[in-house]
Amino acid sequence: MLKILKIDSLLYNKNIHLLNTKQKLISMNASVSNFFLYITLFFTTTIVFSQEFQGKAYYFSKSTMELGKFGATMNEAQKKQIKERLKNRLEKTYILSFNKEESIFKEDEKVDAYSGATDTWGKNFTPGKQYKNIKSRELIQKQEFYGKQFLIKDDLLDINWVLGKETKQIGNYVCFKATATLLNSDLNWYNFSWNELRPNNKKEQTDSIPKTGLDGTPLKMEEETIPTTIVTAWYSPQIPISQGPLEYWGLPGLILEVNVGNTTMLCSKIVMNPDEKLKIEAPQKGKEATKQEYKAIISGKMIEMRNNRGRRRSN
């Protein structure tokens, strides 16, 4: 009887070992399959795109709007009405024209359904016509702020992408997932928020706290956190260029989808080698500034406008 139990135990352990080995092989096969899928797509498309080529990618961007405490006082009909009025800012279409090294990204402007005009005020705080050159790592972007033209010249955003194994189909293209963590200040340099100018109450509180204990030893202070955002991108090696919408670039394939915060930007159509040759040229007119300089200019102008309004009210 003891001999039979020992034999059964050996058989059980052997079966467990075989099961674990099988699971490892399945996992390995999945990784190998993804690898060979990527290699197949890369070499197939390299042959197709080995000659000079151009293309256009059309993107649809949709953002959700959080009404916060203000929304708590409104009924559903009022919320719907506000979202309809802000539809031009929440839903946008863009066109990315590209070749192997350069791209132009710009909004396909719509007429507002309520006012019958384009969103001129919103243009002050949205990205303008953008030129990217991945060979020279150069960004040139046209910005308009209350009628004044600016030409932003800076380096391309340094993005440390983490390549994932997940894949999904977008239209006719197999896409791979990539993620990155970026500073909010790098994502919103053309925008403005009064929150950015408010004093840091937390910093004021910590400044009043003694930096050392009674015995003179340094106290451990809580470090101030820098706001960041996780960016998720889906790129396709079937179009082997390191371009994408907005400032996103640097992946081994065209970026077809980007998820950032409450905004999703999805490619809806791609036209390769259109009959009419595309002109991909950098904007040239406007007062030159870096991104940091431009941010300081619009912040200063907003403060000036607020102060002028205050003076008029007091008179």
C-alpha atoms as a PDB file:
ATOM      1  CA  MET A   1       0.000   0.000   0.000  1.00  0.00           C
ATOM      2  CA  LEU A   2       2.845   2.420   0.901  1.00  0.00           C
ATOM      3  CA  LYS A   3       4.537   1.602  -2.426  1.00  0.00           C
ATOM      4  CA  ILE A   4       1.360   2.449  -4.355  1.00  0.00           C
ATOM      5  CA  LEU A   5       1.068   5.816  -2.562  1.00  0.00           C
ATOM      6  CA  LYS A   6       4.692   6.648  -3.413  1.00  0.00           C
ATOM      7  CA  ILE A   7       4.092   5.806  -7.087  1.00  0.00           C
ATOM      8  CA  ASP A   8       0.911   7.957  -7.134  1.00  0.00           C
ATOM      9  CA  SER A   9       2.829  10.842  -5.577  1.00  0.00           C
ATOM     10  CA  LEU A  10       5.575  10.574  -8.181  1.00  0.00           C
ATOM     11  CA  LEU A  11       3.008  10.520 -10.991  1.00  0.00           C
ATOM     12  CA  TYR A  12       1.221  13.591  -9.513  1.00  0.00           C
ATOM     13  CA  ASN A  13       4.476  15.562  -9.277  1.00  0.00           C
ATOM     14  CA  LYS A  14       5.381  14.566 -12.827  1.00  0.00           C
ATOM     15  CA  ASN A  15       1.985  15.729 -14.127  1.00  0.00           C
ATOM     16  CA  ILE A  16       2.349  19.085 -12.325  1.00  0.00           C
ATOM     17  CA  HIS A  17       5.797  19.538 -13.874  1.00  0.00           C
ATOM     18  CA  LEU A  18       4.444  18.726 -17.336  1.00  0.00           C
ATOM     19  CA  LEU A  19       1.543  21.183 -16.837  1.00  0.00           C
ATOM     20  CA  ASN A  20       3.899  23.990 -15.783  1.00  0.00           C
ATOM     21  CA  THR A  21       6.168  23.251 -18.743  1.00  0.00           C
ATOM     22  CA  LYS A  22       3.167  23.364 -21.096  1.00  0.00           C
ATOM     23  CA  GLN A  23       2.040  26.735 -19.703  1.00  0.00           C
ATOM     24  CA  LYS A  24       5.540  28.169 -20.156  1.00  0.00           C
ATOM     25  CA  LEU A  25       5.633  26.908 -23.747  1.00  0.00           C
ATOM     26  CA  ILE A  26       2.226  28.498 -24.462  1.00  0.00           C
ATOM     27  CA  SER A  27       3.432  31.830 -23.032  1.00  0.00           C
ATOM     28  CA  MET A  28       6.681  31.550 -24.987  1.00  0.00           C
ATOM     29  CA  ASN A  29       4.807  30.730 -28.190  1.00  0.00           C
ATOM     30  CA  ALA A  30       2.583  33.813 -27.716  1.00  0.00           C
ATOM     31  CA  SER A  31       5.650  36.062 -27.328  1.00  0.00           C
ATOM     32  CA  VAL A  32       7.365  34.403 -30.316  1.00  0.00           C
ATOM     33  CA  SER A  33       4.167  34.813 -32.369  1.00  0.00           C
ATOM     34  CA  ASN A  34       4.046  38.544 -31.557  1.00  0.00           C
ATOM     35  CA  PHE A  35       7.728  38.868 -32.415  1.00  0.00           C
ATOM     36  CA  PHE A  36       7.371  37.130 -35.786  1.00  0.00           C
ATOM     37  CA  LEU A  37       4.206  39.134 -36.515  1.00  0.00           C
ATOM     38  CA  TYR A  38       6.153  42.364 -35.907  1.00  0.00           C
ATOM     39  CA  ILE A  39       9.136  41.200 -37.999  1.00  0.00           C
ATOM     40  CA  THR A  40       6.848  40.084 -40.855  1.00  0.00           C
ATOM     41  CA  LEU A  41       5.007  43.420 -40.864  1.00  0.00           C
ATOM     42  CA  PHE A  42       8.274  45.368 -40.680  1.00  0.00           C
ATOM     43  CA  PHE A  43      10.013  43.627 -43.593  1.00  0.00           C
ATOM     44  CA  THR A  44       6.874  43.500 -45.739  1.00  0.00           C
ATOM     45  CA  THR A  45       6.243  47.221 -45.319  1.00  0.00           C
ATOM     46  CA  THR A  46       9.928  48.114 -45.719  1.00  0.00           C
ATOM     47  CA  ILE A  47       9.816  46.617 -49.218  1.00  0.00           C
ATOM     48  CA  VAL A  48       6.555  48.465 -50.006  1.00  0.00           C
ATOM     49  CA  PHE A  49       7.799  51.822 -48.655  1.00  0.00           C
ATOM     50  CA  SER A  50      11.412  51.543 -49.807  1.00  0.00           C
ATOM     51  CA  GLN A  51      10.786  54.182 -52.482  1.00  0.00           C
ATOM     52  CA  GLU A  52       9.805  57.832 -51.917  1.00  0.00           C
ATOM     53  CA  PHE A  53       6.285  58.055 -50.522  1.00  0.00           C
ATOM     54  CA  GLN A  54       3.782  60.479 -49.010  1.00  0.00           C
ATOM     55  CA  GLY A  55       0.527  60.072 -47.185  1.00  0.00           C
ATOM     56  CA  LYS A  56      -2.353  61.652 -45.339  1.00  0.00           C
ATOM     57  CA  ALA A  57      -3.881  60.429 -42.081  1.00  0.00           C
ATOM     58  CA  TYR A  58      -7.226  61.791 -40.870  1.00  0.00           C
ATOM     59  CA  TYR A  59      -7.843  61.838 -37.104  1.00  0.00           C
ATOM     60  CA  PHE A  60     -10.997  62.355 -35.070  1.00  0.00           C
ATOM     61  CA  SER A  61     -10.504  63.694 -31.545  1.00  0.00           C
ATOM     62  CA  LYS A  62     -13.118  63.458 -28.804  1.00  0.00           C
ATOM     63  CA  SER A  63     -12.862  64.798 -25.251  1.00  0.00           C
ATOM     64  CA  THR A  64     -15.197  64.264 -22.313  1.00  0.00           C
ATOM     65  CA  MET A  65     -16.137  67.266 -20.178  1.00  0.00           C
ATOM     66  CA  GLU A  66     -16.298  67.147 -16.389  1.00  0.00           C
ATOM     67  CA  LEU A  67     -18.697  69.793 -15.050  1.00  0.00           C
ATOM     68  CA  GLY A  68     -17.711  69.171 -11.410  1.00  0.00           C
ATOM     69  CA  LYS A  69     -19.589  71.047  -8.680  1.00  0.00           C
ATOM     70  CA  PHE A  70     -21.128  73.346 -11.286  1.00  0.00           C
ATOM     71  CA  GLY A  71     -22.713  70.338 -13.011  1.00  0.00           C
ATOM     72  CA  ALA A  72     -24.283  69.113  -9.769  1.00  0.00           C
ATOM     73  CA  THR A  73     -26.692  72.066  -9.837  1.00  0.00           C
ATOM     74  CA  MET A  74     -27.853  71.346 -13.416  1.00  0.00           C
ATOM     75  CA  ASN A  75     -30.413  68.935 -14.832  1.00  0.00           C
ATOM     76  CA  GLU A  76     -29.639  66.557 -17.707  1.00  0.00           C
ATOM     77  CA  ALA A  77     -31.207  68.851 -20.324  1.00  0.00           C
ATOM     78  CA  GLN A  78     -28.967  71.755 -19.262  1.00  0.00           C
ATOM     79  CA  LYS A  79     -25.867  69.544 -19.305  1.00  0.00           C
ATOM     80  CA  LYS A  80     -26.729  68.331 -22.806  1.00  0.00           C
ATOM     81  CA  GLN A  81     -27.227  71.896 -24.023  1.00  0.00           C
ATOM     82  CA  ILE A  82     -23.804  73.002 -22.715  1.00  0.00           C
ATOM     83  CA  LYS A  83     -22.085  70.013 -24.325  1.00  0.00           C
ATOM     84  CA  GLU A  84     -23.786  70.788 -27.646  1.00  0.00           C
ATOM     85  CA  ARG A  85     -22.584  74.390 -27.490  1.00  0.00           C
ATOM     86  CA  LEU A  86     -19.047  73.249 -26.709  1.00  0.00           C
ATOM     87  CA  LYS A  87     -19.058  70.471 -29.306  1.00  0.00           C
ATOM     88  CA  ASN A  88     -16.592  72.346 -31.523  1.00  0.00           C
ATOM     89  CA  ARG A  89     -14.075  72.239 -28.680  1.00  0.00           C
ATOM     90  CA  LEU A  90     -14.807  68.693 -27.544  1.00  0.00           C
ATOM     91  CA  GLU A  91     -14.875  67.074 -30.999  1.00  0.00           C
ATOM     92  CA  LYS A  92     -12.315  67.978 -33.636  1.00  0.00           C
ATOM     93  CA  THR A  93     -10.891  66.571 -36.857  1.00  0.00           C
ATOM     94  CA  TYR A  94      -7.231  66.841 -37.886  1.00  0.00           C
ATOM     95  CA  ILE A  95      -5.107  65.998 -40.909  1.00  0.00           C
ATOM     96  CA  LEU A  96      -1.530  64.708 -40.735  1.00  0.00           C
ATOM     97  CA  SER A  97       0.388  65.012 -44.032  1.00  0.00           C
ATOM     98  CA  PHE A  98       3.683  63.125 -43.970  1.00  0.00           C
ATOM     99  CA  ASN A  99       6.667  61.706 -45.785  1.00  0.00           C
ATOM    100  CA  LYS A 100       9.611  59.722 -44.429  1.00  0.00           C
ATOM    101  CA  GLU A 101      11.117  62.595 -42.446  1.00  0.00           C
ATOM    102  CA  GLU A 102       8.597  65.453 -42.210  1.00  0.00           C
ATOM    103  CA  SER A 103       4.974  66.045 -41.323  1.00  0.00           C
ATOM    104  CA  ILE A 104       2.375  68.805 -41.118  1.00  0.00           C
ATOM    105  CA  PHE A 105      -0.419  68.465 -38.564  1.00  0.00           C
ATOM    106  CA  LYS A 106      -3.359  70.880 -38.606  1.00  0.00           C
ATOM    107  CA  GLU A 107      -6.985  71.112 -37.563  1.00  0.00           C
ATOM    108  CA  ASP A 108      -9.717  70.762 -40.159  1.00  0.00           C
ATOM    109  CA  GLU A 109     -11.789  73.677 -38.887  1.00  0.00           C
ATOM    110  CA  LYS A 110     -15.571  73.429 -38.693  1.00  0.00           C
ATOM    111  CA  VAL A 111     -18.291  76.048 -38.653  1.00  0.00           C
ATOM    112  CA  ASP A 112     -20.040  76.334 -35.265  1.00  0.00           C
ATOM    113  CA  ALA A 113     -23.645  75.106 -35.457  1.00  0.00           C
ATOM    114  CA  TYR A 114     -24.852  77.822 -33.035  1.00  0.00           C
ATOM    115  CA  SER A 115     -22.948  80.930 -34.117  1.00  0.00           C
ATOM    116  CA  GLY A 116     -22.293  80.038 -37.759  1.00  0.00           C
ATOM    117  CA  ALA A 117     -18.594  80.881 -37.332  1.00  0.00           C
ATOM    118  CA  THR A 118     -15.372  79.169 -36.353  1.00  0.00           C
ATOM    119  CA  ASP A 119     -14.288  79.073 -32.717  1.00  0.00           C
ATOM    120  CA  THR A 120     -12.059  82.169 -32.744  1.00  0.00           C
ATOM    121  CA  TRP A 121     -11.731  82.453 -28.942  1.00  0.00           C
ATOM    122  CA  GLY A 122     -10.866  78.766 -28.557  1.00  0.00           C
ATOM    123  CA  LYS A 123      -8.096  79.144 -31.164  1.00  0.00           C
ATOM    124  CA  ASN A 124      -6.118  81.209 -28.658  1.00  0.00           C
ATOM    125  CA  PHE A 125      -5.496  78.112 -26.524  1.00  0.00           C
ATOM    126  CA  THR A 126      -5.323  75.264 -29.045  1.00  0.00           C
ATOM    127  CA  PRO A 127      -2.383  73.941 -31.098  1.00  0.00           C
ATOM    128  CA  GLY A 128      -1.872  75.649 -34.438  1.00  0.00           C
ATOM    129  CA  LYS A 129      -0.370  74.343 -37.666  1.00  0.00           C
ATOM    130  CA  GLN A 130       2.556  72.122 -36.672  1.00  0.00           C
ATOM    131  CA  TYR A 131       5.655  71.004 -38.567  1.00  0.00           C
ATOM    132  CA  LYS A 132       7.834  68.120 -37.333  1.00  0.00           C
ATOM    133  CA  ASN A 133      11.153  66.975 -38.780  1.00  0.00           C
ATOM    134  CA  ILE A 134      12.316  63.731 -37.202  1.00  0.00           C
ATOM    135  CA  LYS A 135      15.728  63.876 -38.907  1.00  0.00           C
ATOM    136  CA  SER A 136      16.664  67.273 -37.441  1.00  0.00           C
ATOM    137  CA  ARG A 137      14.439  66.680 -34.364  1.00  0.00           C
ATOM    138  CA  GLU A 138      12.845  70.061 -34.973  1.00  0.00           C
ATOM    139  CA  LEU A 139       9.380  71.406 -34.112  1.00  0.00           C
ATOM    140  CA  ILE A 140       7.992  74.560 -35.758  1.00  0.00           C
ATOM    141  CA  GLN A 141       4.448  75.517 -34.793  1.00  0.00           C
ATOM    142  CA  LYS A 142       2.267  78.462 -35.735  1.00  0.00           C
ATOM    143  CA  GLN A 143       0.270  79.968 -32.871  1.00  0.00           C
ATOM    144  CA  GLU A 144      -2.211  82.834 -32.809  1.00  0.00           C
ATOM    145  CA  PHE A 145      -2.983  84.695 -29.602  1.00  0.00           C
ATOM    146  CA  TYR A 146      -5.618  87.440 -29.755  1.00  0.00           C
ATOM    147  CA  GLY A 147      -4.738  88.315 -33.342  1.00  0.00           C
ATOM    148  CA  LYS A 148      -0.952  88.238 -32.922  1.00  0.00           C
ATOM    149  CA  GLN A 149       1.002  85.596 -34.864  1.00  0.00           C
ATOM    150  CA  PHE A 150       3.774  83.571 -33.199  1.00  0.00           C
ATOM    151  CA  LEU A 151       6.209  81.057 -34.636  1.00  0.00           C
ATOM    152  CA  ILE A 152       7.265  78.497 -32.033  1.00  0.00           C
ATOM    153  CA  LYS A 153      10.648  76.893 -32.699  1.00  0.00           C
ATOM    154  CA  ASP A 154      11.841  74.159 -30.360  1.00  0.00           C
ATOM    155  CA  ASP A 155      13.175  70.609 -30.140  1.00  0.00           C
ATOM    156  CA  LEU A 156      10.875  67.652 -30.602  1.00  0.00           C
ATOM    157  CA  LEU A 157       9.458  66.341 -27.351  1.00  0.00           C
ATOM    158  CA  ASP A 158      11.729  63.701 -25.789  1.00  0.00           C
ATOM    159  CA  ILE A 159       9.392  60.741 -25.234  1.00  0.00           C
ATOM    160  CA  ASN A 160      10.596  57.621 -23.442  1.00  0.00           C
ATOM    161  CA  TRP A 161       8.173  55.057 -24.887  1.00  0.00           C
ATOM    162  CA  VAL A 162       7.656  51.669 -23.243  1.00  0.00           C
ATOM    163  CA  LEU A 163       6.737  49.138 -25.927  1.00  0.00           C
ATOM    164  CA  GLY A 164       4.077  46.607 -24.964  1.00  0.00           C
ATOM    165  CA  LYS A 165       3.029  43.207 -26.342  1.00  0.00           C
ATOM    166  CA  GLU A 166      -0.664  44.003 -26.805  1.00  0.00           C
ATOM    167  CA  THR A 167      -1.999  44.302 -30.334  1.00  0.00           C
ATOM    168  CA  LYS A 168      -5.277  45.395 -31.882  1.00  0.00           C
ATOM    169  CA  GLN A 169      -6.707  46.094 -35.305  1.00  0.00           C
ATOM    170  CA  ILE A 170      -7.427  49.674 -36.386  1.00  0.00           C
ATOM    171  CA  GLY A 171      -9.000  49.584 -39.823  1.00  0.00           C
ATOM    172  CA  ASN A 172      -6.696  47.503 -42.052  1.00  0.00           C
ATOM    173  CA  TYR A 173      -3.681  47.929 -39.788  1.00  0.00           C
ATOM    174  CA  VAL A 174      -2.280  45.775 -36.977  1.00  0.00           C
ATOM    175  CA  CYS A 175      -1.259  48.078 -34.138  1.00  0.00           C
ATOM    176  CA  PHE A 176       1.009  47.636 -31.123  1.00  0.00           C
ATOM    177  CA  LYS A 177       0.627  49.360 -27.768  1.00  0.00           C
ATOM    178  CA  ALA A 178       3.139  51.805 -26.274  1.00  0.00           C
ATOM    179  CA  THR A 179       2.964  53.978 -23.152  1.00  0.00           C
ATOM    180  CA  ALA A 180       4.870  56.974 -21.808  1.00  0.00           C
ATOM    181  CA  THR A 181       4.688  59.349 -18.837  1.00  0.00           C
ATOM    182  CA  LEU A 182       4.953  63.036 -19.751  1.00  0.00           C
ATOM    183  CA  LEU A 183       4.963  66.268 -17.774  1.00  0.00           C
ATOM    184  CA  ASN A 184       1.671  68.155 -17.978  1.00  0.00           C
ATOM    185  CA  SER A 185       3.663  71.301 -18.763  1.00  0.00           C
ATOM    186  CA  ASP A 186       5.038  69.590 -21.902  1.00  0.00           C
ATOM    187  CA  LEU A 187       1.547  68.672 -23.069  1.00  0.00           C
ATOM    188  CA  ASN A 188      -0.236  71.992 -22.454  1.00  0.00           C
ATOM    189  CA  TRP A 189       2.341  74.717 -23.151  1.00  0.00           C
ATOM    190  CA  TYR A 190      -0.031  76.471 -25.628  1.00  0.00           C
ATOM    191  CA  ASN A 191      -2.919  76.488 -23.126  1.00  0.00           C
ATOM    192  CA  PHE A 192      -3.598  78.639 -20.074  1.00  0.00           C
ATOM    193  CA  SER A 193      -5.130  78.011 -16.658  1.00  0.00           C
ATOM    194  CA  TRP A 194      -5.483  80.393 -13.721  1.00  0.00           C
ATOM    195  CA  ASN A 195      -4.637  77.447 -11.451  1.00  0.00           C
ATOM    196  CA  GLU A 196      -1.049  77.648 -12.705  1.00  0.00           C
ATOM    197  CA  LEU A 197      -0.699  81.160 -11.249  1.00  0.00           C
ATOM    198  CA  ARG A 198      -2.253  80.493  -7.862  1.00  0.00           C
ATOM    199  CA  PRO A 199       0.221  80.332  -4.953  1.00  0.00           C
ATOM    200  CA  ASN A 200       1.194  76.884  -3.789  1.00  0.00           C
ATOM    201  CA  ASN A 201      -0.466  76.751  -0.360  1.00  0.00           C
ATOM    202  CA  LYS A 202       1.253  73.493   0.429  1.00  0.00           C
ATOM    203  CA  LYS A 203       4.654  75.083  -0.229  1.00  0.00           C
ATOM    204  CA  GLU A 204       3.776  78.075   1.988  1.00  0.00           C
ATOM    205  CA  GLN A 205       2.826  75.704   4.810  1.00  0.00           C
ATOM    206  CA  THR A 206       6.028  73.670   4.548  1.00  0.00           C
ATOM    207  CA  ASP A 207       8.120  76.864   4.431  1.00  0.00           C
ATOM    208  CA  SER A 208       6.850  77.732   7.920  1.00  0.00           C
ATOM    209  CA  ILE A 209       7.769  74.306   9.348  1.00  0.00           C
ATOM    210  CA  PRO A 210      11.205  73.973  11.007  1.00  0.00           C
ATOM    211  CA  LYS A 211      13.682  72.105   8.806  1.00  0.00           C
ATOM    212  CA  THR A 212      15.484  70.524  11.775  1.00  0.00           C
ATOM    213  CA  GLY A 213      14.438  68.776  14.963  1.00  0.00           C
ATOM    214  CA  LEU A 214      15.202  69.879  18.536  1.00  0.00           C
ATOM    215  CA  ASP A 215      18.447  67.923  18.443  1.00  0.00           C
ATOM    216  CA  GLY A 216      19.508  69.633  15.195  1.00  0.00           C
ATOM    217  CA  THR A 217      19.014  66.605  12.921  1.00  0.00           C
ATOM    218  CA  PRO A 218      17.382  67.357   9.519  1.00  0.00           C
ATOM    219  CA  LEU A 219      13.690  66.526   9.293  1.00  0.00           C
ATOM    220  CA  LYS A 220      12.417  64.528   6.338  1.00  0.00           C
ATOM    221  CA  MET A 221      10.223  66.853   4.250  1.00  0.00           C
ATOM    222  CA  GLU A 222       7.515  65.732   1.868  1.00  0.00           C
ATOM    223  CA  GLU A 223       8.649  66.413  -1.704  1.00  0.00           C
ATOM    224  CA  GLU A 224       6.449  68.436  -4.028  1.00  0.00           C
ATOM    225  CA  THR A 225       5.029  66.274  -6.820  1.00  0.00           C
ATOM    226  CA  ILE A 226       5.228  67.410 -10.436  1.00  0.00           C
ATOM    227  CA  PRO A 227       1.976  66.760 -12.361  1.00  0.00           C
ATOM    228  CA  THR A 228       2.356  64.102 -15.059  1.00  0.00           C
ATOM    229  CA  THR A 229       0.054  62.283 -17.471  1.00  0.00           C
ATOM    230  CA  ILE A 230       0.222  58.737 -18.844  1.00  0.00           C
ATOM    231  CA  VAL A 231      -0.021  58.627 -22.643  1.00  0.00           C
ATOM    232  CA  THR A 232      -1.127  55.451 -24.420  1.00  0.00           C
ATOM    233  CA  ALA A 233      -0.403  55.144 -28.139  1.00  0.00           C
ATOM    234  CA  TRP A 234      -1.178  52.486 -30.758  1.00  0.00           C
ATOM    235  CA  TYR A 235       1.229  52.392 -33.703  1.00  0.00           C
ATOM    236  CA  SER A 236       1.443  50.264 -36.846  1.00  0.00           C
ATOM    237  CA  PRO A 237       4.752  48.996 -38.331  1.00  0.00           C
ATOM    238  CA  GLN A 238       2.816  48.567 -41.589  1.00  0.00           C
ATOM    239  CA  ILE A 239       3.468  52.297 -42.101  1.00  0.00           C
ATOM    240  CA  PRO A 240       7.136  52.456 -40.994  1.00  0.00           C
ATOM    241  CA  ILE A 241       7.530  56.144 -40.140  1.00  0.00           C
ATOM    242  CA  SER A 242       8.089  57.643 -36.675  1.00  0.00           C
ATOM    243  CA  GLN A 243       5.307  60.206 -36.987  1.00  0.00           C
ATOM    244  CA  GLY A 244       2.016  60.790 -35.203  1.00  0.00           C
ATOM    245  CA  PRO A 245      -0.579  63.424 -34.300  1.00  0.00           C
ATOM    246  CA  LEU A 246       0.315  66.520 -32.245  1.00  0.00           C
ATOM    247  CA  GLU A 247       3.813  66.212 -30.729  1.00  0.00           C
ATOM    248  CA  TYR A 248       3.756  62.416 -30.514  1.00  0.00           C
ATOM    249  CA  TRP A 249       6.481  60.629 -32.482  1.00  0.00           C
ATOM    250  CA  GLY A 250       9.422  58.243 -32.057  1.00  0.00           C
ATOM    251  CA  LEU A 251       7.724  54.844 -32.455  1.00  0.00           C
ATOM    252  CA  PRO A 252       8.608  52.246 -35.134  1.00  0.00           C
ATOM    253  CA  GLY A 253       5.402  52.931 -37.051  1.00  0.00           C
ATOM    254  CA  LEU A 254       2.762  55.605 -37.612  1.00  0.00           C
ATOM    255  CA  ILE A 255       0.689  56.329 -34.480  1.00  0.00           C
ATOM    256  CA  LEU A 256      -2.973  55.667 -35.275  1.00  0.00           C
ATOM    257  CA  GLU A 257      -4.495  56.214 -31.828  1.00  0.00           C
ATOM    258  CA  VAL A 258      -3.569  58.264 -28.764  1.00  0.00           C
ATOM    259  CA  ASN A 259      -5.275  58.302 -25.346  1.00  0.00           C
ATOM    260  CA  VAL A 260      -4.347  61.209 -23.067  1.00  0.00           C
ATOM    261  CA  GLY A 261      -6.410  62.048 -19.989  1.00  0.00           C
ATOM    262  CA  ASN A 262     -10.006  62.624 -21.085  1.00  0.00           C
ATOM    263  CA  THR A 263      -9.145  62.806 -24.810  1.00  0.00           C
ATOM    264  CA  THR A 264      -8.939  60.062 -27.444  1.00  0.00           C
ATOM    265  CA  MET A 265      -7.566  60.748 -30.917  1.00  0.00           C
ATOM    266  CA  LEU A 266      -8.259  58.016 -33.495  1.00  0.00           C
ATOM    267  CA  CYS A 267      -7.196  57.728 -37.129  1.00  0.00           C
ATOM    268  CA  SER A 268     -10.271  57.221 -39.320  1.00  0.00           C
ATOM    269  CA  LYS A 269      -8.681  57.160 -42.790  1.00  0.00           C
ATOM    270  CA  ILE A 270      -5.248  56.884 -44.431  1.00  0.00           C
ATOM    271  CA  VAL A 271      -4.466  57.835 -48.038  1.00  0.00           C
ATOM    272  CA  MET A 272      -1.068  56.672 -49.262  1.00  0.00           C
ATOM    273  CA  ASN A 273       0.671  58.379 -52.200  1.00  0.00           C
ATOM    274  CA  PRO A 274      -2.228  60.668 -53.206  1.00  0.00           C
ATOM    275  CA  ASP A 275      -2.454  61.714 -56.871  1.00  0.00           C
ATOM    276  CA  GLU A 276      -1.702  65.333 -55.996  1.00  0.00           C
ATOM    277  CA  LYS A 277       1.787  65.724 -54.508  1.00  0.00           C
ATOM    278  CA  LEU A 278       1.716  67.098 -50.961  1.00  0.00           C
ATOM    279  CA  LYS A 279       3.577  70.274 -49.990  1.00  0.00           C
ATOM    280  CA  ILE A 280       5.113  69.705 -46.571  1.00  0.00           C
ATOM    281  CA  GLU A 281       6.704  73.003 -45.600  1.00  0.00           C
ATOM    282  CA  ALA A 282       7.311  74.599 -42.211  1.00  0.00           C
ATOM    283  CA  PRO A 283       5.333  77.742 -41.279  1.00  0.00           C
ATOM    284  CA  GLN A 284       7.463  80.887 -41.604  1.00  0.00           C
ATOM    285  CA  LYS A 285       5.512  83.934 -40.410  1.00  0.00           C
ATOM    286  CA  GLY A 286       5.218  85.140 -36.824  1.00  0.00           C
ATOM    287  CA  LYS A 287       7.242  86.328 -33.854  1.00  0.00           C
ATOM    288  CA  GLU A 288       9.745  83.601 -32.981  1.00  0.00           C
ATOM    289  CA  ALA A 289       9.714  82.075 -29.498  1.00  0.00           C
ATOM    290  CA  THR A 290      10.423  78.803 -27.724  1.00  0.00           C
ATOM    291  CA  LYS A 291       7.588  76.911 -26.028  1.00  0.00           C
ATOM    292  CA  GLN A 292       8.664  78.182 -22.607  1.00  0.00           C
ATOM    293  CA  GLU A 293       8.869  81.772 -23.852  1.00  0.00           C
ATOM    294  CA  TYR A 294       5.439  81.534 -25.480  1.00  0.00           C
ATOM    295  CA  LYS A 295       3.913  80.192 -22.254  1.00  0.00           C
ATOM    296  CA  ALA A 296       5.336  83.172 -20.347  1.00  0.00           C
ATOM    297  CA  ILE A 297       3.973  85.605 -22.970  1.00  0.00           C
ATOM    298  CA  ILE A 298       0.372  84.342 -22.861  1.00  0.00           C
ATOM    299  CA  SER A 299       0.390  84.084 -19.060  1.00  0.00           C
ATOM    300  CA  GLY A 300       1.596  87.692 -18.779  1.00  0.00           C
ATOM    301  CA  LYS A 301      -1.028  88.869 -21.273  1.00  0.00           C
ATOM    302  CA  MET A 302      -3.857  87.130 -19.393  1.00  0.00           C
ATOM    303  CA  ILE A 303      -2.774  88.763 -16.110  1.00  0.00           C
ATOM    304  CA  GLU A 304      -2.612  92.150 -17.844  1.00  0.00           C
ATOM    305  CA  MET A 305      -6.143  91.702 -19.267  1.00  0.00           C
ATOM    306  CA  ARG A 306      -7.482  90.702 -15.843  1.00  0.00           C
ATOM    307  CA  ASN A 307      -5.887  93.751 -14.187  1.00  0.00           C
ATOM    308  CA  ASN A 308      -7.283  96.086 -16.848  1.00  0.00           C
ATOM    309  CA  ARG A 309     -10.793  94.728 -16.276  1.00  0.00           C
ATOM    310  CA  GLY A 310     -10.363  95.316 -12.544  1.00  0.00           C
ATOM    311  CA  ARG A 311      -9.350  98.948 -13.104  1.00  0.00           C
ATOM    312  CA  ARG A 312     -12.369  99.606 -15.340  1.00  0.00           C
ATOM    313  CA  ARG A 313     -14.743  98.213 -12.700  1.00  0.00           C
ATOM    314  CA  SER A 314     -13.213 100.348  -9.936  1.00  0.00           C
ATOM    315  CA  ASN A 315     -13.538 103.568 -11.978  1.00  0.00           C
END
